[in-house]
Amino acid sequence: MSNVEISYTCGFCEIAFTSTNPNRRFCSTSCAGKSTAKDITGNVYGKLTAIKRLDERNASHRLWLCRCECGNLTKVPINFLTTGHTKSCGCFKGKGQRKNHLYLFEGTNISRINKDTLFKCNTSGVRGVHQHESGKWMARIGFQNKRIYLGIFKTFEEAVAARREAEEKYFKPIIEKYNKKD
């Protein structure tokens, strides 16, 4: 293998340099020790404003010190900020999120119960019905942040019927009440 010099641009200071090492990406050891990460200081992510990059890491991601709109300071991995995974210090979760939720009515997510869409992991084709480890069929329903167990049934059809009855009992009245409020 020959030692051919290749031209590069430093990943930190953007100065051009040459090297025989194809893995080298920095012009000097002082630049190699510095981060090539984008500066997000002042950027706003939900209720958080990035204040400064910390020397700490969470797994392989750099932590940022952020100030929440409520005044709290919190450390957040940069990838949680940029992907929208973390939007507040935690003050928003459970309180403001539920109160301000566009489709929440009397503790019920109207948009979710009005849809027939299935979760990706659903294998039965019916929401709230799955095959139990015993081979029988289990039905349940989620309503007002509670999971209601409907039973285990010998046949798929019985479990589906129990789920449909529960939808009539729990979902139908709240949907009707929601539609009448306008």
Protein backbone atom coordinates (compact mmCIF):
# COMPACT_ATOMS: atom_id res chain seq x y z
CA MET A 1 0.00 0.00 0.00
CA SER A 2 1.47 3.36 -1.01
CA ASN A 3 1.51 6.48 1.09
CA VAL A 4 -0.34 8.78 -1.28
CA GLU A 5 -1.23 12.21 0.03
CA ILE A 6 -4.93 13.06 -0.32
CA SER A 7 -6.47 16.51 0.01
CA TYR A 8 -9.11 16.99 2.71
CA THR A 9 -11.05 19.79 4.34
CA CYS A 10 -10.98 19.83 8.14
CA GLY A 11 -14.28 18.70 9.66
CA PHE A 12 -14.05 21.42 12.31
CA CYS A 13 -12.32 24.56 11.02
CA GLU A 14 -12.71 23.80 7.28
CA ILE A 15 -9.02 24.42 6.51
CA ALA A 16 -7.69 22.38 3.57
CA PHE A 17 -4.90 19.88 4.38
CA THR A 18 -3.26 16.77 2.94
CA SER A 19 -2.69 13.43 4.60
CA THR A 20 -1.67 9.87 3.82
CA ASN A 21 -4.22 8.58 6.36
CA PRO A 22 -7.62 8.07 4.63
CA ASN A 23 -9.39 8.10 8.05
CA ARG A 24 -8.05 11.50 9.09
CA ARG A 25 -10.72 14.22 9.04
CA PHE A 26 -9.08 17.03 11.04
CA CYS A 27 -6.15 19.33 10.19
CA SER A 28 -4.55 19.03 13.65
CA THR A 29 -4.90 17.26 16.96
CA SER A 30 -6.40 20.41 18.49
CA CYS A 31 -9.24 20.34 15.93
CA ALA A 32 -9.67 16.56 16.30
CA GLY A 33 -10.59 17.07 19.96
CA LYS A 34 -13.34 19.52 19.13
CA SER A 35 -16.86 18.60 18.15
CA THR A 36 -18.10 18.89 14.59
CA ALA A 37 -21.65 19.01 15.94
CA LYS A 38 -23.92 21.80 14.82
CA ASP A 39 -24.37 24.64 17.27
CA ILE A 40 -28.06 24.75 18.29
CA THR A 41 -27.66 27.47 20.93
CA GLY A 42 -30.82 29.59 21.02
CA ASN A 43 -32.89 27.14 18.96
CA VAL A 44 -36.36 26.40 20.34
CA TYR A 45 -37.71 22.84 20.46
CA GLY A 46 -41.26 22.75 21.80
CA LYS A 47 -41.07 24.54 25.16
CA LEU A 48 -37.27 24.14 25.41
CA THR A 49 -34.59 26.60 24.36
CA ALA A 50 -31.05 25.22 23.91
CA ILE A 51 -28.67 27.22 26.13
CA LYS A 52 -25.31 25.47 25.80
CA ARG A 53 -23.67 22.21 24.83
CA LEU A 54 -22.41 20.20 27.79
CA ASP A 55 -19.35 17.97 27.93
CA GLU A 56 -21.57 15.15 29.21
CA ARG A 57 -23.03 12.41 27.03
CA ASN A 58 -26.11 10.20 27.25
CA ALA A 59 -25.14 6.95 25.51
CA SER A 60 -23.40 8.33 22.40
CA HIS A 61 -25.27 11.64 22.18
CA ARG A 62 -24.09 15.01 23.46
CA LEU A 63 -26.25 16.60 26.16
CA TRP A 64 -27.52 20.17 25.92
CA LEU A 65 -28.57 22.39 28.78
CA CYS A 66 -32.02 23.74 27.98
CA ARG A 67 -34.39 26.20 29.64
CA CYS A 68 -38.07 25.29 29.65
CA GLU A 69 -40.78 27.94 29.30
CA CYS A 70 -41.73 27.17 32.92
CA GLY A 71 -38.25 28.30 34.00
CA ASN A 72 -36.71 24.90 34.81
CA LEU A 73 -33.30 23.89 33.48
CA THR A 74 -32.91 20.38 32.08
CA LYS A 75 -30.25 18.31 30.29
CA VAL A 76 -31.45 16.76 27.02
CA PRO A 77 -29.64 14.63 24.41
CA ILE A 78 -29.35 16.57 21.14
CA ASN A 79 -31.12 13.83 19.19
CA PHE A 80 -34.15 14.04 21.53
CA LEU A 81 -34.40 17.76 20.76
CA THR A 82 -33.94 17.57 16.99
CA THR A 83 -36.35 14.64 16.54
CA GLY A 84 -39.07 16.17 18.75
CA HIS A 85 -38.90 13.34 21.30
CA THR A 86 -38.45 15.80 24.18
CA LYS A 87 -40.44 19.03 24.10
CA SER A 88 -40.37 20.17 27.74
CA CYS A 89 -38.67 19.59 31.08
CA GLY A 90 -41.56 17.32 32.05
CA CYS A 91 -43.91 20.05 33.24
CA PHE A 92 -45.90 19.72 30.01
CA LYS A 93 -46.31 15.95 30.19
CA GLY A 94 -49.57 14.94 31.80
CA LYS A 95 -50.76 18.47 32.55
CA GLY A 96 -50.69 20.89 29.65
CA GLN A 97 -50.51 18.13 27.07
CA ARG A 98 -53.85 16.70 28.11
CA LYS A 99 -55.53 20.05 28.72
CA ASN A 100 -54.39 21.43 25.39
CA HIS A 101 -54.91 18.25 23.37
CA LEU A 102 -56.96 19.14 20.33
CA TYR A 103 -59.26 16.09 20.43
CA LEU A 104 -59.43 15.37 24.15
CA PHE A 105 -62.95 15.58 25.54
CA GLU A 106 -63.79 14.55 29.11
CA GLY A 107 -60.53 12.62 29.37
CA THR A 108 -61.09 10.77 26.09
CA ASN A 109 -59.09 11.07 22.87
CA ILE A 110 -62.01 11.49 20.46
CA SER A 111 -59.81 11.27 17.37
CA ARG A 112 -58.49 7.85 18.45
CA ILE A 113 -61.82 6.22 19.31
CA ASN A 114 -63.41 7.55 16.12
CA LYS A 115 -60.84 5.74 13.94
CA ASP A 116 -60.75 2.11 12.92
CA THR A 117 -57.00 2.15 12.30
CA LEU A 118 -54.96 -0.65 13.84
CA PHE A 119 -51.61 -0.51 15.57
CA LYS A 120 -48.75 -2.04 13.56
CA CYS A 121 -48.42 -4.88 16.06
CA ASN A 122 -52.10 -5.92 15.72
CA THR A 123 -52.36 -9.44 14.25
CA SER A 124 -56.07 -10.17 14.73
CA GLY A 125 -57.41 -7.39 12.51
CA VAL A 126 -59.68 -6.08 15.30
CA ARG A 127 -58.66 -3.40 17.81
CA GLY A 128 -58.52 -4.67 21.38
CA VAL A 129 -58.65 -8.36 20.44
CA HIS A 130 -55.66 -10.69 20.45
CA GLN A 131 -54.89 -14.34 20.90
CA HIS A 132 -53.99 -15.25 24.46
CA GLU A 133 -51.05 -17.58 25.22
CA SER A 134 -53.63 -20.28 26.04
CA GLY A 135 -54.85 -20.18 22.43
CA LYS A 136 -58.11 -18.51 23.44
CA TRP A 137 -59.02 -14.92 22.50
CA MET A 138 -58.74 -11.97 24.84
CA ALA A 139 -60.66 -8.70 24.49
CA ARG A 140 -60.08 -5.36 26.19
CA ILE A 141 -60.76 -1.71 25.60
CA GLY A 142 -59.01 1.51 26.59
CA PHE A 143 -61.19 4.35 27.82
CA GLN A 144 -60.39 7.56 29.71
CA ASN A 145 -56.80 6.48 30.31
CA LYS A 146 -57.85 3.09 31.73
CA ARG A 147 -57.53 -0.40 30.26
CA ILE A 148 -60.72 -2.39 30.77
CA TYR A 149 -60.41 -6.18 30.61
CA LEU A 150 -63.40 -7.72 28.82
CA GLY A 151 -62.52 -11.38 29.19
CA ILE A 152 -61.02 -14.44 27.54
CA PHE A 153 -63.19 -16.23 25.00
CA LYS A 154 -63.10 -19.61 23.29
CA THR A 155 -63.63 -18.15 19.83
CA PHE A 156 -62.44 -15.11 17.96
CA GLU A 157 -66.05 -14.17 17.15
CA GLU A 158 -67.01 -14.07 20.84
CA ALA A 159 -64.07 -11.79 21.63
CA VAL A 160 -64.96 -9.48 18.74
CA ALA A 161 -68.61 -9.35 19.91
CA ALA A 162 -67.47 -8.42 23.45
CA ARG A 163 -65.23 -5.67 22.06
CA ARG A 164 -68.07 -4.27 19.90
CA GLU A 165 -70.45 -4.26 22.90
CA ALA A 166 -67.84 -2.40 24.96
CA GLU A 167 -67.39 0.17 22.15
CA GLU A 168 -71.16 0.75 22.22
CA LYS A 169 -71.14 1.04 26.01
CA TYR A 170 -68.08 3.29 26.41
CA PHE A 171 -67.35 5.04 23.09
CA LYS A 172 -70.77 5.74 21.64
CA PRO A 173 -72.12 7.96 24.50
CA ILE A 174 -68.97 10.10 24.67
CA ILE A 175 -68.88 10.54 20.87
CA GLU A 176 -72.54 11.56 20.84
CA LYS A 177 -71.95 14.00 23.69
CA TYR A 178 -68.90 15.42 21.90
CA ASN A 179 -70.87 15.89 18.65
CA LYS A 180 -73.74 17.65 20.49
CA LYS A 181 -71.46 20.16 22.23
CA ASP A 182 -71.17 22.19 19.02
